[in-house]
Amino acid sequence: MPSLSLRINLDPDGRIGPGKIDLLEQIASFGSISAAARAMEMSYKRAWDLVDEMNMLFGRPLVSAQTGGKHGGGASLTSFGKTVVTRFRAMESAALAAAAPHLAALQAELDEK
């Protein structure tokens, strides 16, 4: 079945899509950038770079990180980060609902060949 994925261009060099949103959701779930990175099979550095990129892109933090130490560190989404995830998922759902009949028609065309 054909599928649709959503990417939002925010400025000439910045965009957010399902991968970054997945990372934010994993951070929210695990409470840790490193645990989220492991779950997504990416390096901690790559995850941190993506978080930093998103924080810079939006001009305010989506993720709040606490440094490690005796009691460990952690990370959580800011209220704005939660809003970004919620809005992205809502737009994604709306786009998928709007595209569903067209994707099904495209699949029917593919099945006829």
PDB file of N, CA and C in Angstrom:
ATOM      1  N   MET A   1       0.849  -1.183   0.000  1.00  0.00           N
ATOM      2  CA  MET A   1       0.000   0.000   0.000  1.00  0.00           C
ATOM      3  C   MET A   1       0.888   1.237   0.000  1.00  0.00           C
ATOM      4  N   PRO A   2       0.619   2.191  -0.861  1.00  0.00           N
ATOM      5  CA  PRO A   2       1.366   3.443  -0.819  1.00  0.00           C
ATOM      6  C   PRO A   2       1.177   4.120   0.541  1.00  0.00           C
ATOM      7  N   SER A   3       2.155   4.872   0.940  1.00  0.00           N
ATOM      8  CA  SER A   3       2.052   5.573   2.225  1.00  0.00           C
ATOM      9  C   SER A   3       2.407   7.038   2.040  1.00  0.00           C
ATOM     10  N   LEU A   4       2.129   7.786   3.061  1.00  0.00           N
ATOM     11  CA  LEU A   4       2.369   9.228   3.048  1.00  0.00           C
ATOM     12  C   LEU A   4       3.160   9.568   4.298  1.00  0.00           C
ATOM     13  N   SER A   5       4.151  10.426   4.165  1.00  0.00           N
ATOM     14  CA  SER A   5       4.830  10.906   5.362  1.00  0.00           C
ATOM     15  C   SER A   5       4.889  12.423   5.295  1.00  0.00           C
ATOM     16  N   LEU A   6       4.829  13.031   6.453  1.00  0.00           N
ATOM     17  CA  LEU A   6       4.743  14.481   6.559  1.00  0.00           C
ATOM     18  C   LEU A   6       6.084  15.061   6.985  1.00  0.00           C
ATOM     19  N   ARG A   7       6.523  16.068   6.279  1.00  0.00           N
ATOM     20  CA  ARG A   7       7.697  16.852   6.657  1.00  0.00           C
ATOM     21  C   ARG A   7       7.281  18.311   6.579  1.00  0.00           C
ATOM     22  N   ILE A   8       7.647  19.062   7.596  1.00  0.00           N
ATOM     23  CA  ILE A   8       7.286  20.475   7.640  1.00  0.00           C
ATOM     24  C   ILE A   8       8.554  21.301   7.511  1.00  0.00           C
ATOM     25  N   ASN A   9       8.599  22.128   6.476  1.00  0.00           N
ATOM     26  CA  ASN A   9       9.726  23.034   6.280  1.00  0.00           C
ATOM     27  C   ASN A   9       9.457  24.293   7.083  1.00  0.00           C
ATOM     28  N   LEU A  10      10.367  24.595   7.991  1.00  0.00           N
ATOM     29  CA  LEU A  10      10.175  25.733   8.891  1.00  0.00           C
ATOM     30  C   LEU A  10      10.965  26.965   8.488  1.00  0.00           C
ATOM     31  N   ASP A  11      12.036  26.785   7.807  1.00  0.00           N
ATOM     32  CA  ASP A  11      12.816  27.886   7.249  1.00  0.00           C
ATOM     33  C   ASP A  11      13.641  27.287   6.121  1.00  0.00           C
ATOM     34  N   PRO A  12      14.451  28.074   5.459  1.00  0.00           N
ATOM     35  CA  PRO A  12      15.166  27.503   4.307  1.00  0.00           C
ATOM     36  C   PRO A  12      16.009  26.274   4.631  1.00  0.00           C
ATOM     37  N   ASP A  13      16.506  26.163   5.851  1.00  0.00           N
ATOM     38  CA  ASP A  13      17.383  25.039   6.177  1.00  0.00           C
ATOM     39  C   ASP A  13      16.829  24.112   7.249  1.00  0.00           C
ATOM     40  N   GLY A  14      15.645  24.395   7.761  1.00  0.00           N
ATOM     41  CA  GLY A  14      15.133  23.594   8.862  1.00  0.00           C
ATOM     42  C   GLY A  14      13.841  22.892   8.523  1.00  0.00           C
ATOM     43  N   ARG A  15      13.733  21.674   9.003  1.00  0.00           N
ATOM     44  CA  ARG A  15      12.496  20.919   8.811  1.00  0.00           C
ATOM     45  C   ARG A  15      12.335  19.949   9.962  1.00  0.00           C
ATOM     46  N   ILE A  16      11.104  19.551  10.129  1.00  0.00           N
ATOM     47  CA  ILE A  16      10.803  18.544  11.144  1.00  0.00           C
ATOM     48  C   ILE A  16       9.892  17.504  10.500  1.00  0.00           C
ATOM     49  N   GLY A  17      10.190  16.265  10.796  1.00  0.00           N
ATOM     50  CA  GLY A  17       9.432  15.173  10.210  1.00  0.00           C
ATOM     51  C   GLY A  17       9.255  14.053  11.216  1.00  0.00           C
ATOM     52  N   PRO A  18       8.809  12.901  10.737  1.00  0.00           N
ATOM     53  CA  PRO A  18       8.494  11.806  11.655  1.00  0.00           C
ATOM     54  C   PRO A  18       9.682  11.309  12.480  1.00  0.00           C
ATOM     55  N   GLY A  19      10.878  11.352  11.936  1.00  0.00           N
ATOM     56  CA  GLY A  19      12.040  10.880  12.690  1.00  0.00           C
ATOM     57  C   GLY A  19      12.330  11.737  13.914  1.00  0.00           C
ATOM     58  N   LYS A  20      12.288  13.042  13.744  1.00  0.00           N
ATOM     59  CA  LYS A  20      12.542  13.938  14.877  1.00  0.00           C
ATOM     60  C   LYS A  20      11.406  13.857  15.889  1.00  0.00           C
ATOM     61  N   ILE A  21      10.185  13.733  15.394  1.00  0.00           N
ATOM     62  CA  ILE A  21       9.045  13.598  16.306  1.00  0.00           C
ATOM     63  C   ILE A  21       9.147  12.281  17.071  1.00  0.00           C
ATOM     64  N   ASP A  22       9.536  11.205  16.391  1.00  0.00           N
ATOM     65  CA  ASP A  22       9.753   9.923  17.080  1.00  0.00           C
ATOM     66  C   ASP A  22      10.797  10.075  18.184  1.00  0.00           C
ATOM     67  N   LEU A  23      11.873  10.801  17.895  1.00  0.00           N
ATOM     68  CA  LEU A  23      12.909  11.020  18.898  1.00  0.00           C
ATOM     69  C   LEU A  23      12.337  11.758  20.100  1.00  0.00           C
ATOM     70  N   LEU A  24      11.562  12.804  19.862  1.00  0.00           N
ATOM     71  CA  LEU A  24      10.947  13.530  20.973  1.00  0.00           C
ATOM     72  C   LEU A  24      10.032  12.616  21.786  1.00  0.00           C
ATOM     73  N   GLU A  25       9.257  11.780  21.110  1.00  0.00           N
ATOM     74  CA  GLU A  25       8.376  10.857  21.818  1.00  0.00           C
ATOM     75  C   GLU A  25       9.168   9.837  22.633  1.00  0.00           C
ATOM     76  N   GLN A  26      10.280   9.372  22.101  1.00  0.00           N
ATOM     77  CA  GLN A  26      11.125   8.420  22.841  1.00  0.00           C
ATOM     78  C   GLN A  26      11.747   9.095  24.066  1.00  0.00           C
ATOM     79  N   ILE A  27      12.171  10.332  23.915  1.00  0.00           N
ATOM     80  CA  ILE A  27      12.724  11.070  25.062  1.00  0.00           C
ATOM     81  C   ILE A  27      11.652  11.210  26.136  1.00  0.00           C
ATOM     82  N   ALA A  28      10.435  11.558  25.727  1.00  0.00           N
ATOM     83  CA  ALA A  28       9.331  11.682  26.691  1.00  0.00           C
ATOM     84  C   ALA A  28       9.069  10.344  27.381  1.00  0.00           C
ATOM     85  N   SER A  29       9.148   9.276  26.627  1.00  0.00           N
ATOM     86  CA  SER A  29       8.867   7.945  27.159  1.00  0.00           C
ATOM     87  C   SER A  29       9.944   7.459  28.124  1.00  0.00           C
ATOM     88  N   PHE A  30      11.206   7.640  27.748  1.00  0.00           N
ATOM     89  CA  PHE A  30      12.318   7.117  28.540  1.00  0.00           C
ATOM     90  C   PHE A  30      12.869   8.105  29.569  1.00  0.00           C
ATOM     91  N   GLY A  31      12.610   9.397  29.375  1.00  0.00           N
ATOM     92  CA  GLY A  31      13.167  10.394  30.284  1.00  0.00           C
ATOM     93  C   GLY A  31      14.665  10.562  30.121  1.00  0.00           C
ATOM     94  N   SER A  32      15.168  10.219  28.930  1.00  0.00           N
ATOM     95  CA  SER A  32      16.607  10.239  28.705  1.00  0.00           C
ATOM     96  C   SER A  32      16.898  10.323  27.211  1.00  0.00           C
ATOM     97  N   ILE A  33      17.836  11.185  26.849  1.00  0.00           N
ATOM     98  CA  ILE A  33      18.250  11.260  25.446  1.00  0.00           C
ATOM     99  C   ILE A  33      19.030  10.006  25.075  1.00  0.00           C
ATOM    100  N   SER A  34      19.894   9.532  25.963  1.00  0.00           N
ATOM    101  CA  SER A  34      20.698   8.348  25.635  1.00  0.00           C
ATOM    102  C   SER A  34      19.818   7.107  25.488  1.00  0.00           C
ATOM    103  N   ALA A  35      18.817   6.933  26.359  1.00  0.00           N
ATOM    104  CA  ALA A  35      17.918   5.783  26.241  1.00  0.00           C
ATOM    105  C   ALA A  35      17.079   5.879  24.970  1.00  0.00           C
ATOM    106  N   ALA A  36      16.645   7.086  24.635  1.00  0.00           N
ATOM    107  CA  ALA A  36      15.887   7.284  23.394  1.00  0.00           C
ATOM    108  C   ALA A  36      16.756   6.936  22.195  1.00  0.00           C
ATOM    109  N   ALA A  37      18.014   7.370  22.223  1.00  0.00           N
ATOM    110  CA  ALA A  37      18.939   7.072  21.123  1.00  0.00           C
ATOM    111  C   ALA A  37      19.132   5.561  20.983  1.00  0.00           C
ATOM    112  N   ARG A  38      19.331   4.875  22.098  1.00  0.00           N
ATOM    113  CA  ARG A  38      19.499   3.417  22.044  1.00  0.00           C
ATOM    114  C   ARG A  38      18.259   2.744  21.459  1.00  0.00           C
ATOM    115  N   ALA A  39      17.090   3.189  21.890  1.00  0.00           N
ATOM    116  CA  ALA A  39      15.838   2.596  21.399  1.00  0.00           C
ATOM    117  C   ALA A  39      15.680   2.797  19.898  1.00  0.00           C
ATOM    118  N   MET A  40      16.234   3.895  19.384  1.00  0.00           N
ATOM    119  CA  MET A  40      16.120   4.197  17.950  1.00  0.00           C
ATOM    120  C   MET A  40      17.351   3.747  17.173  1.00  0.00           C
ATOM    121  N   GLU A  41      18.266   3.074  17.870  1.00  0.00           N
ATOM    122  CA  GLU A  41      19.498   2.583  17.263  1.00  0.00           C
ATOM    123  C   GLU A  41      20.286   3.699  16.568  1.00  0.00           C
ATOM    124  N   MET A  42      20.464   4.803  17.313  1.00  0.00           N
ATOM    125  CA  MET A  42      21.306   5.898  16.830  1.00  0.00           C
ATOM    126  C   MET A  42      22.273   6.265  17.943  1.00  0.00           C
ATOM    127  N   SER A  43      23.317   6.937  17.577  1.00  0.00           N
ATOM    128  CA  SER A  43      24.302   7.330  18.576  1.00  0.00           C
ATOM    129  C   SER A  43      23.733   8.445  19.457  1.00  0.00           C
ATOM    130  N   TYR A  44      24.263   8.522  20.674  1.00  0.00           N
ATOM    131  CA  TYR A  44      23.872   9.601  21.579  1.00  0.00           C
ATOM    132  C   TYR A  44      24.183  10.942  20.939  1.00  0.00           C
ATOM    133  N   LYS A  45      25.355  11.047  20.292  1.00  0.00           N
ATOM    134  CA  LYS A  45      25.745  12.311  19.668  1.00  0.00           C
ATOM    135  C   LYS A  45      24.734  12.728  18.607  1.00  0.00           C
ATOM    136  N   ARG A  46      24.302  11.778  17.779  1.00  0.00           N
ATOM    137  CA  ARG A  46      23.313  12.092  16.735  1.00  0.00           C
ATOM    138  C   ARG A  46      21.998  12.570  17.369  1.00  0.00           C
ATOM    139  N   ALA A  47      21.559  11.882  18.411  1.00  0.00           N
ATOM    140  CA  ALA A  47      20.325  12.279  19.089  1.00  0.00           C
ATOM    141  C   ALA A  47      20.476  13.671  19.695  1.00  0.00           C
ATOM    142  N   TRP A  48      21.614  13.921  20.370  1.00  0.00           N
ATOM    143  CA  TRP A  48      21.837  15.226  20.980  1.00  0.00           C
ATOM    144  C   TRP A  48      21.881  16.308  19.907  1.00  0.00           C
ATOM    145  N   ASP A  49      22.548  16.032  18.785  1.00  0.00           N
ATOM    146  CA  ASP A  49      22.619  17.012  17.687  1.00  0.00           C
ATOM    147  C   ASP A  49      21.226  17.330  17.142  1.00  0.00           C
ATOM    148  N   LEU A  50      20.375  16.308  17.019  1.00  0.00           N
ATOM    149  CA  LEU A  50      19.006  16.538  16.541  1.00  0.00           C
ATOM    150  C   LEU A  50      18.205  17.366  17.539  1.00  0.00           C
ATOM    151  N   VAL A  51      18.356  17.075  18.821  1.00  0.00           N
ATOM    152  CA  VAL A  51      17.669  17.855  19.857  1.00  0.00           C
ATOM    153  C   VAL A  51      18.139  19.307  19.803  1.00  0.00           C
ATOM    154  N   ASP A  52      19.445  19.494  19.715  1.00  0.00           N
ATOM    155  CA  ASP A  52      20.002  20.844  19.643  1.00  0.00           C
ATOM    156  C   ASP A  52      19.492  21.575  18.401  1.00  0.00           C
ATOM    157  N   GLU A  53      19.455  20.862  17.272  1.00  0.00           N
ATOM    158  CA  GLU A  53      18.951  21.447  16.032  1.00  0.00           C
ATOM    159  C   GLU A  53      17.492  21.886  16.184  1.00  0.00           C
ATOM    160  N   MET A  54      16.668  21.052  16.794  1.00  0.00           N
ATOM    161  CA  MET A  54      15.260  21.411  16.982  1.00  0.00           C
ATOM    162  C   MET A  54      15.107  22.591  17.933  1.00  0.00           C
ATOM    163  N   ASN A  55      15.880  22.589  19.021  1.00  0.00           N
ATOM    164  CA  ASN A  55      15.824  23.709  19.957  1.00  0.00           C
ATOM    165  C   ASN A  55      16.202  25.020  19.270  1.00  0.00           C
ATOM    166  N   MET A  56      17.221  24.971  18.428  1.00  0.00           N
ATOM    167  CA  MET A  56      17.658  26.164  17.705  1.00  0.00           C
ATOM    168  C   MET A  56      16.623  26.568  16.649  1.00  0.00           C
ATOM    169  N   LEU A  57      16.101  25.593  15.948  1.00  0.00           N
ATOM    170  CA  LEU A  57      15.147  25.838  14.870  1.00  0.00           C
ATOM    171  C   LEU A  57      13.900  26.555  15.379  1.00  0.00           C
ATOM    172  N   PHE A  58      13.406  26.129  16.517  1.00  0.00           N
ATOM    173  CA  PHE A  58      12.197  26.732  17.059  1.00  0.00           C
ATOM    174  C   PHE A  58      12.484  27.969  17.913  1.00  0.00           C
ATOM    175  N   GLY A  59      13.747  28.213  18.201  1.00  0.00           N
ATOM    176  CA  GLY A  59      14.114  29.393  18.964  1.00  0.00           C
ATOM    177  C   GLY A  59      13.821  29.290  20.450  1.00  0.00           C
ATOM    178  N   ARG A  60      13.433  28.125  20.881  1.00  0.00           N
ATOM    179  CA  ARG A  60      13.216  27.854  22.304  1.00  0.00           C
ATOM    180  C   ARG A  60      13.273  26.349  22.502  1.00  0.00           C
ATOM    181  N   PRO A  61      13.550  25.918  23.703  1.00  0.00           N
ATOM    182  CA  PRO A  61      13.775  24.486  23.921  1.00  0.00           C
ATOM    183  C   PRO A  61      12.515  23.632  23.777  1.00  0.00           C
ATOM    184  N   LEU A  62      12.694  22.514  23.109  1.00  0.00           N
ATOM    185  CA  LEU A  62      11.672  21.467  23.054  1.00  0.00           C
ATOM    186  C   LEU A  62      11.998  20.399  24.090  1.00  0.00           C
ATOM    187  N   VAL A  63      13.288  20.291  24.409  1.00  0.00           N
ATOM    188  CA  VAL A  63      13.768  19.302  25.368  1.00  0.00           C
ATOM    189  C   VAL A  63      14.561  20.022  26.449  1.00  0.00           C
ATOM    190  N   SER A  64      14.314  19.631  27.673  1.00  0.00           N
ATOM    191  CA  SER A  64      15.076  20.126  28.808  1.00  0.00           C
ATOM    192  C   SER A  64      15.916  18.972  29.330  1.00  0.00           C
ATOM    193  N   ALA A  65      17.227  19.146  29.330  1.00  0.00           N
ATOM    194  CA  ALA A  65      18.135  18.077  29.771  1.00  0.00           C
ATOM    195  C   ALA A  65      18.819  18.479  31.059  1.00  0.00           C
ATOM    196  N   GLN A  66      18.922  17.506  31.972  1.00  0.00           N
ATOM    197  CA  GLN A  66      19.651  17.712  33.212  1.00  0.00           C
ATOM    198  C   GLN A  66      20.930  16.891  33.121  1.00  0.00           C
ATOM    199  N   THR A  67      22.045  17.500  33.495  1.00  0.00           N
ATOM    200  CA  THR A  67      23.313  16.785  33.409  1.00  0.00           C
ATOM    201  C   THR A  67      23.353  15.662  34.437  1.00  0.00           C
ATOM    202  N   GLY A  68      24.149  14.650  34.129  1.00  0.00           N
ATOM    203  CA  GLY A  68      24.302  13.496  35.018  1.00  0.00           C
ATOM    204  C   GLY A  68      25.047  13.866  36.278  1.00  0.00           C
ATOM    205  N   GLY A  69      25.312  12.905  37.057  1.00  0.00           N
ATOM    206  CA  GLY A  69      26.010  13.123  38.319  1.00  0.00           C
ATOM    207  C   GLY A  69      25.638  12.027  39.287  1.00  0.00           C
ATOM    208  N   LYS A  70      25.748  12.330  40.568  1.00  0.00           N
ATOM    209  CA  LYS A  70      25.492  11.344  41.605  1.00  0.00           C
ATOM    210  C   LYS A  70      24.091  10.737  41.486  1.00  0.00           C
ATOM    211  N   HIS A  71      23.119  11.562  41.152  1.00  0.00           N
ATOM    212  CA  HIS A  71      21.735  11.085  41.044  1.00  0.00           C
ATOM    213  C   HIS A  71      21.304  10.897  39.591  1.00  0.00           C
ATOM    214  N   GLY A  72      22.233  10.956  38.669  1.00  0.00           N
ATOM    215  CA  GLY A  72      21.921  10.752  37.261  1.00  0.00           C
ATOM    216  C   GLY A  72      21.314  11.985  36.624  1.00  0.00           C
ATOM    217  N   GLY A  73      21.258  11.963  35.330  1.00  0.00           N
ATOM    218  CA  GLY A  73      20.679  13.075  34.593  1.00  0.00           C
ATOM    219  C   GLY A  73      19.306  12.690  34.099  1.00  0.00           C
ATOM    220  N   GLY A  74      18.942  13.272  33.023  1.00  0.00           N
ATOM    221  CA  GLY A  74      17.648  12.949  32.447  1.00  0.00           C
ATOM    222  C   GLY A  74      17.247  14.023  31.462  1.00  0.00           C
ATOM    223  N   ALA A  75      16.161  13.783  30.808  1.00  0.00           N
ATOM    224  CA  ALA A  75      15.641  14.745  29.845  1.00  0.00           C
ATOM    225  C   ALA A  75      14.134  14.602  29.790  1.00  0.00           C
ATOM    226  N   SER A  76      13.495  15.690  29.504  1.00  0.00           N
ATOM    227  CA  SER A  76      12.044  15.675  29.355  1.00  0.00           C
ATOM    228  C   SER A  76      11.663  16.715  28.314  1.00  0.00           C
ATOM    229  N   LEU A  77      10.465  16.561  27.789  1.00  0.00           N
ATOM    230  CA  LEU A  77       9.969  17.562  26.852  1.00  0.00           C
ATOM    231  C   LEU A  77       9.459  18.760  27.639  1.00  0.00           C
ATOM    232  N   THR A  78       9.728  19.928  27.112  1.00  0.00           N
ATOM    233  CA  THR A  78       9.138  21.130  27.684  1.00  0.00           C
ATOM    234  C   THR A  78       7.664  21.152  27.273  1.00  0.00           C
ATOM    235  N   SER A  79       6.894  22.041  27.850  1.00  0.00           N
ATOM    236  CA  SER A  79       5.491  22.130  27.432  1.00  0.00           C
ATOM    237  C   SER A  79       5.411  22.487  25.951  1.00  0.00           C
ATOM    238  N   PHE A  80       6.339  23.319  25.480  1.00  0.00           N
ATOM    239  CA  PHE A  80       6.362  23.652  24.051  1.00  0.00           C
ATOM    240  C   PHE A  80       6.715  22.417  23.228  1.00  0.00           C
ATOM    241  N   GLY A  81       7.641  21.600  23.698  1.00  0.00           N
ATOM    242  CA  GLY A  81       7.996  20.365  23.000  1.00  0.00           C
ATOM    243  C   GLY A  81       6.798  19.438  22.879  1.00  0.00           C
ATOM    244  N   LYS A  82       6.027  19.328  23.957  1.00  0.00           N
ATOM    245  CA  LYS A  82       4.816  18.504  23.916  1.00  0.00           C
ATOM    246  C   LYS A  82       3.817  19.058  22.905  1.00  0.00           C
ATOM    247  N   THR A  83       3.720  20.381  22.841  1.00  0.00           N
ATOM    248  CA  THR A  83       2.813  21.020  21.885  1.00  0.00           C
ATOM    249  C   THR A  83       3.234  20.731  20.453  1.00  0.00           C
ATOM    250  N   VAL A  84       4.537  20.804  20.182  1.00  0.00           N
ATOM    251  CA  VAL A  84       5.042  20.521  18.836  1.00  0.00           C
ATOM    252  C   VAL A  84       4.701  19.086  18.429  1.00  0.00           C
ATOM    253  N   VAL A  85       4.920  18.135  19.328  1.00  0.00           N
ATOM    254  CA  VAL A  85       4.603  16.735  19.036  1.00  0.00           C
ATOM    255  C   VAL A  85       3.104  16.578  18.768  1.00  0.00           C
ATOM    256  N   THR A  86       2.284  17.152  19.630  1.00  0.00           N
ATOM    257  CA  THR A  86       0.826  17.039  19.487  1.00  0.00           C
ATOM    258  C   THR A  86       0.356  17.653  18.170  1.00  0.00           C
ATOM    259  N   ARG A  87       0.864  18.833  17.834  1.00  0.00           N
ATOM    260  CA  ARG A  87       0.450  19.489  16.585  1.00  0.00           C
ATOM    261  C   ARG A  87       0.925  18.703  15.358  1.00  0.00           C
ATOM    262  N   PHE A  88       2.150  18.197  15.413  1.00  0.00           N
ATOM    263  CA  PHE A  88       2.655  17.416  14.288  1.00  0.00           C
ATOM    264  C   PHE A  88       1.787  16.180  14.081  1.00  0.00           C
ATOM    265  N   ARG A  89       1.506  15.449  15.151  1.00  0.00           N
ATOM    266  CA  ARG A  89       0.700  14.223  15.029  1.00  0.00           C
ATOM    267  C   ARG A  89      -0.713  14.545  14.545  1.00  0.00           C
ATOM    268  N   ALA A  90      -1.272  15.683  14.959  1.00  0.00           N
ATOM    269  CA  ALA A  90      -2.603  16.078  14.483  1.00  0.00           C
ATOM    270  C   ALA A  90      -2.568  16.380  12.987  1.00  0.00           C
ATOM    271  N   MET A  91      -1.544  17.111  12.539  1.00  0.00           N
ATOM    272  CA  MET A  91      -1.410  17.406  11.109  1.00  0.00           C
ATOM    273  C   MET A  91      -1.188  16.128  10.310  1.00  0.00           C
ATOM    274  N   GLU A  92      -0.382  15.229  10.856  1.00  0.00           N
ATOM    275  CA  GLU A  92      -0.112  13.956  10.196  1.00  0.00           C
ATOM    276  C   GLU A  92      -1.405  13.146  10.044  1.00  0.00           C
ATOM    277  N   SER A  93      -2.197  13.085  11.095  1.00  0.00           N
ATOM    278  CA  SER A  93      -3.469  12.347  11.041  1.00  0.00           C
ATOM    279  C   SER A  93      -4.420  12.957  10.023  1.00  0.00           C
ATOM    280  N   ALA A  94      -4.497  14.292  10.009  1.00  0.00           N
ATOM    281  CA  ALA A  94      -5.381  14.967   9.058  1.00  0.00           C
ATOM    282  C   ALA A  94      -4.924  14.730   7.623  1.00  0.00           C
ATOM    283  N   ALA A  95      -3.625  14.794   7.395  1.00  0.00           N
ATOM    284  CA  ALA A  95      -3.092  14.565   6.043  1.00  0.00           C
ATOM    285  C   ALA A  95      -3.351  13.132   5.600  1.00  0.00           C
ATOM    286  N   LEU A  96      -3.147  12.179   6.497  1.00  0.00           N
ATOM    287  CA  LEU A  96      -3.392  10.775   6.160  1.00  0.00           C
ATOM    288  C   LEU A  96      -4.869  10.523   5.868  1.00  0.00           C
ATOM    289  N   ALA A  97      -5.749  11.125   6.661  1.00  0.00           N
ATOM    290  CA  ALA A  97      -7.185  10.956   6.430  1.00  0.00           C
ATOM    291  C   ALA A  97      -7.580  11.542   5.080  1.00  0.00           C
ATOM    292  N   ALA A  98      -7.045  12.708   4.755  1.00  0.00           N
ATOM    293  CA  ALA A  98      -7.368  13.346   3.474  1.00  0.00           C
ATOM    294  C   ALA A  98      -6.808  12.549   2.300  1.00  0.00           C
ATOM    295  N   ALA A  99      -5.655  11.952   2.491  1.00  0.00           N
ATOM    296  CA  ALA A  99      -5.000  11.227   1.399  1.00  0.00           C
ATOM    297  C   ALA A  99      -5.471   9.786   1.252  1.00  0.00           C
ATOM    298  N   ALA A 100      -6.132   9.233   2.257  1.00  0.00           N
ATOM    299  CA  ALA A 100      -6.489   7.812   2.262  1.00  0.00           C
ATOM    300  C   ALA A 100      -7.218   7.358   0.995  1.00  0.00           C
ATOM    301  N   PRO A 101      -8.241   8.053   0.522  1.00  0.00           N
ATOM    302  CA  PRO A 101      -8.911   7.574  -0.688  1.00  0.00           C
ATOM    303  C   PRO A 101      -8.003   7.618  -1.915  1.00  0.00           C
ATOM    304  N   HIS A 102      -7.145   8.600  -1.968  1.00  0.00           N
ATOM    305  CA  HIS A 102      -6.220   8.721  -3.094  1.00  0.00           C
ATOM    306  C   HIS A 102      -5.150   7.628  -3.045  1.00  0.00           C
ATOM    307  N   LEU A 103      -4.678   7.311  -1.855  1.00  0.00           N
ATOM    308  CA  LEU A 103      -3.707   6.227  -1.706  1.00  0.00           C
ATOM    309  C   LEU A 103      -4.332   4.885  -2.077  1.00  0.00           C
ATOM    310  N   ALA A 104      -5.585   4.688  -1.667  1.00  0.00           N
ATOM    311  CA  ALA A 104      -6.284   3.448  -2.019  1.00  0.00           C
ATOM    312  C   ALA A 104      -6.494   3.349  -3.526  1.00  0.00           C
ATOM    313  N   ALA A 105      -6.842   4.466  -4.161  1.00  0.00           N
ATOM    314  CA  ALA A 105      -7.033   4.474  -5.615  1.00  0.00           C
ATOM    315  C   ALA A 105      -5.719   4.194  -6.327  1.00  0.00           C
ATOM    316  N   LEU A 106      -4.637   4.764  -5.826  1.00  0.00           N
ATOM    317  CA  LEU A 106      -3.320   4.523  -6.402  1.00  0.00           C
ATOM    318  C   LEU A 106      -2.950   3.041  -6.265  1.00  0.00           C
ATOM    319  N   GLN A 107      -3.245   2.462  -5.109  1.00  0.00           N
ATOM    320  CA  GLN A 107      -2.964   1.040  -4.900  1.00  0.00           C
ATOM    321  C   GLN A 107      -3.784   0.198  -5.879  1.00  0.00           C
ATOM    322  N   ALA A 108      -5.044   0.568  -6.089  1.00  0.00           N
ATOM    323  CA  ALA A 108      -5.889  -0.162  -7.039  1.00  0.00           C
ATOM    324  C   ALA A 108      -5.298  -0.110  -8.444  1.00  0.00           C
ATOM    325  N   GLU A 109      -4.765   1.035  -8.819  1.00  0.00           N
ATOM    326  CA  GLU A 109      -4.103   1.176 -10.117  1.00  0.00           C
ATOM    327  C   GLU A 109      -2.878   0.264 -10.194  1.00  0.00           C
ATOM    328  N   LEU A 110      -2.126   0.226  -9.130  1.00  0.00           N
ATOM    329  CA  LEU A 110      -0.941  -0.630  -9.098  1.00  0.00           C
ATOM    330  C   LEU A 110      -1.303  -2.111  -9.166  1.00  0.00           C
ATOM    331  N   ASP A 111      -2.410  -2.466  -8.517  1.00  0.00           N
ATOM    332  CA  ASP A 111      -2.860  -3.858  -8.511  1.00  0.00           C
ATOM    333  C   ASP A 111      -3.321  -4.319  -9.893  1.00  0.00           C
ATOM    334  N   GLU A 112      -3.739  -3.382 -10.738  1.00  0.00           N
ATOM    335  CA  GLU A 112      -4.250  -3.724 -12.074  1.00  0.00           C
ATOM    336  C   GLU A 112      -3.145  -4.057 -13.050  1.00  0.00           C
ATOM    337  N   LYS A 113      -1.945  -3.675 -12.791  1.00  0.00           N
ATOM    338  CA  LYS A 113      -0.877  -3.884 -13.792  1.00  0.00           C
ATOM    339  C   LYS A 113      -0.418  -5.285 -13.930  1.00  0.00           C
TER     340      LYS A 113
END
